[in-house]
N, C-alpha and C. Protein backbone atom coordinates (compact mmCIF):
# COMPACT_ATOMS: atom_id res chain seq x y z
N MET A 1 24.00 131.77 50.72
CA MET A 1 25.00 132.31 49.94
C MET A 1 23.94 132.99 48.52
N ALA A 2 24.26 134.38 48.28
CA ALA A 2 23.08 135.11 47.56
C ALA A 2 23.26 134.54 46.06
N ILE A 3 22.59 134.75 45.00
CA ILE A 3 22.61 134.27 43.79
C ILE A 3 23.83 135.28 43.09
N GLU A 4 23.91 136.24 43.35
CA GLU A 4 24.54 136.94 42.68
C GLU A 4 26.23 136.62 43.26
N ASP A 5 26.51 136.09 44.05
CA ASP A 5 27.74 135.98 44.61
C ASP A 5 28.31 134.80 43.73
N ILE A 6 27.18 133.49 43.99
CA ILE A 6 27.53 132.23 43.34
C ILE A 6 27.42 132.96 41.75
N GLN A 7 26.81 133.56 40.81
CA GLN A 7 26.80 134.11 39.53
C GLN A 7 28.19 134.79 39.14
N TRP A 8 28.73 135.42 39.89
CA TRP A 8 30.20 136.11 40.40
C TRP A 8 31.21 135.28 40.13
N TYR A 9 31.09 134.68 41.02
CA TYR A 9 32.15 132.85 41.19
C TYR A 9 32.20 132.29 39.96
N LEU A 10 31.28 131.98 39.54
CA LEU A 10 31.00 131.35 38.04
C LEU A 10 31.19 131.94 37.14
N GLY A 11 31.29 133.50 37.17
CA GLY A 11 31.71 134.16 35.78
C GLY A 11 30.52 134.53 34.74
N HIS A 12 29.39 134.29 35.49
CA HIS A 12 28.35 134.24 34.45
C HIS A 12 27.34 135.77 34.59
N ASN A 13 27.16 136.22 33.33
CA ASN A 13 26.90 137.24 33.06
C ASN A 13 25.54 137.49 33.45
N ASP A 14 24.74 136.28 32.89
CA ASP A 14 23.22 136.01 33.42
C ASP A 14 22.59 135.30 34.76
N GLU A 15 21.79 135.57 35.38
CA GLU A 15 21.26 134.88 36.43
C GLU A 15 20.85 133.67 35.99
N ALA A 16 19.88 133.41 34.98
CA ALA A 16 19.43 132.34 34.14
C ALA A 16 20.30 131.15 34.25
N THR A 17 21.37 131.66 33.46
CA THR A 17 22.89 130.64 33.18
C THR A 17 22.98 130.28 34.83
N THR A 18 23.36 130.82 35.71
CA THR A 18 23.69 130.38 37.08
C THR A 18 22.50 129.56 38.02
N LEU A 19 20.95 129.73 37.79
CA LEU A 19 20.01 129.00 38.21
C LEU A 19 20.11 127.50 37.65
N THR A 20 20.50 127.46 36.26
CA THR A 20 20.76 126.04 35.77
C THR A 20 21.53 125.28 36.33
N TYR A 21 22.43 125.74 36.66
CA TYR A 21 23.78 125.01 37.88
C TYR A 21 22.84 124.65 39.02
N ILE A 22 22.29 125.40 39.52
CA ILE A 22 21.57 125.37 40.72
C ILE A 22 20.60 124.33 40.94
N LEU A 23 19.54 124.69 40.13
CA LEU A 23 18.24 123.97 39.82
C LEU A 23 18.12 123.04 38.69
N ASN A 24 19.00 121.93 38.94
CA ASN A 24 18.67 120.84 37.68
C ASN A 24 18.52 119.42 38.57
N ASN A 25 18.51 118.48 37.73
CA ASN A 25 18.01 117.05 38.53
C ASN A 25 19.34 116.33 38.41
N GLN A 26 20.56 116.41 38.62
CA GLN A 26 21.75 115.63 38.67
C GLN A 26 22.04 115.20 40.24
N GLY A 27 21.22 116.03 41.00
CA GLY A 27 21.53 115.37 42.62
C GLY A 27 22.31 116.58 43.15
N LYS A 28 22.35 116.77 44.33
CA LYS A 28 22.77 117.52 45.01
C LYS A 28 24.28 117.10 45.25
N GLN A 29 24.77 116.38 45.24
CA GLN A 29 26.45 116.01 45.73
C GLN A 29 27.19 116.21 44.23
N LYS A 30 26.46 115.59 42.99
CA LYS A 30 26.85 115.79 41.62
C LYS A 30 27.19 117.66 41.26
N THR A 31 26.21 118.32 41.61
CA THR A 31 25.77 119.65 41.40
C THR A 31 26.93 120.44 42.34
N SER A 32 27.46 119.80 43.46
CA SER A 32 28.28 120.45 44.38
C SER A 32 29.41 120.60 43.87
N ARG A 33 29.89 119.19 43.23
CA ARG A 33 31.25 118.78 42.72
C ARG A 33 31.59 119.47 41.33
N GLN A 34 30.54 119.85 40.52
CA GLN A 34 30.57 120.40 39.57
C GLN A 34 31.03 122.18 39.44
N ILE A 35 30.11 122.38 40.89
CA ILE A 35 30.60 123.75 41.57
C ILE A 35 31.68 123.78 41.56
N VAL A 36 32.27 123.29 42.79
CA VAL A 36 33.47 123.12 43.24
C VAL A 36 34.65 122.84 42.28
N ASN A 37 34.59 122.24 41.05
CA ASN A 37 35.75 122.03 40.18
C ASN A 37 35.41 123.23 39.41
N ALA A 38 34.71 124.09 39.09
CA ALA A 38 34.37 124.87 38.13
C ALA A 38 35.24 126.25 39.06
N LEU A 39 34.80 126.37 40.11
CA LEU A 39 35.84 127.36 41.00
C LEU A 39 37.27 127.18 41.06
N SER A 40 37.42 125.59 41.29
CA SER A 40 38.74 125.41 41.45
C SER A 40 39.60 125.92 39.99
N GLU A 41 39.08 126.02 39.02
CA GLU A 41 39.98 125.71 37.68
C GLU A 41 40.15 127.37 37.51
N MET A 42 38.92 127.99 38.09
CA MET A 42 38.71 129.55 37.98
C MET A 42 39.69 130.01 38.73
N ASN A 43 40.33 129.52 39.59
CA ASN A 43 41.04 130.57 40.61
C ASN A 43 42.71 129.60 41.05
N GLY A 44 42.82 128.28 40.77
CA GLY A 44 43.79 127.49 41.05
C GLY A 44 43.87 127.22 42.33
N ASN A 45 42.73 127.00 43.09
CA ASN A 45 42.84 126.60 44.46
C ASN A 45 41.63 125.51 44.56
N ASP A 46 42.71 124.63 45.69
CA ASP A 46 41.18 123.67 46.07
C ASP A 46 40.31 124.12 46.83
N VAL A 47 39.02 124.50 46.48
CA VAL A 47 38.19 125.18 47.06
C VAL A 47 37.73 124.62 48.31
N LEU A 48 37.56 123.48 48.45
CA LEU A 48 36.98 122.81 49.67
C LEU A 48 37.90 122.75 50.79
N MET A 49 39.56 122.55 50.22
CA MET A 49 40.78 122.65 51.52
C MET A 49 41.49 123.75 51.61
N GLY A 50 40.76 124.91 50.93
CA GLY A 50 41.53 125.92 50.78
C GLY A 50 43.27 126.42 50.80
N THR A 51 43.39 125.17 49.95
CA THR A 51 44.95 125.73 49.59
C THR A 51 45.39 125.71 48.22
N GLN A 52 46.41 126.04 47.81
CA GLN A 52 46.68 125.96 46.64
C GLN A 52 47.39 125.21 45.54
N ASN A 53 46.78 124.88 44.43
CA ASN A 53 47.67 123.78 43.29
C ASN A 53 48.26 124.00 43.32
N SER A 54 49.45 123.19 42.80
CA SER A 54 50.54 122.99 42.53
C SER A 54 50.79 122.74 41.07
C-alpha cells in the first residue's frame, strides 16, 4: 500500500506524521492494531471484518 493511501486513511496532512505510525519500536502487531483502531473510529466500520458497527 502506498504511503499516500495510508496518510489519507489516517487523515494526516503531513507524511512525516504517518511515518511515525509506520516506523516505530512498538512491534508490528501493536502498530497494526493501532492503525486498525484508528481507521475503525474514523469510518464506524470494523476494518478487519468489513462490517459496520452497531
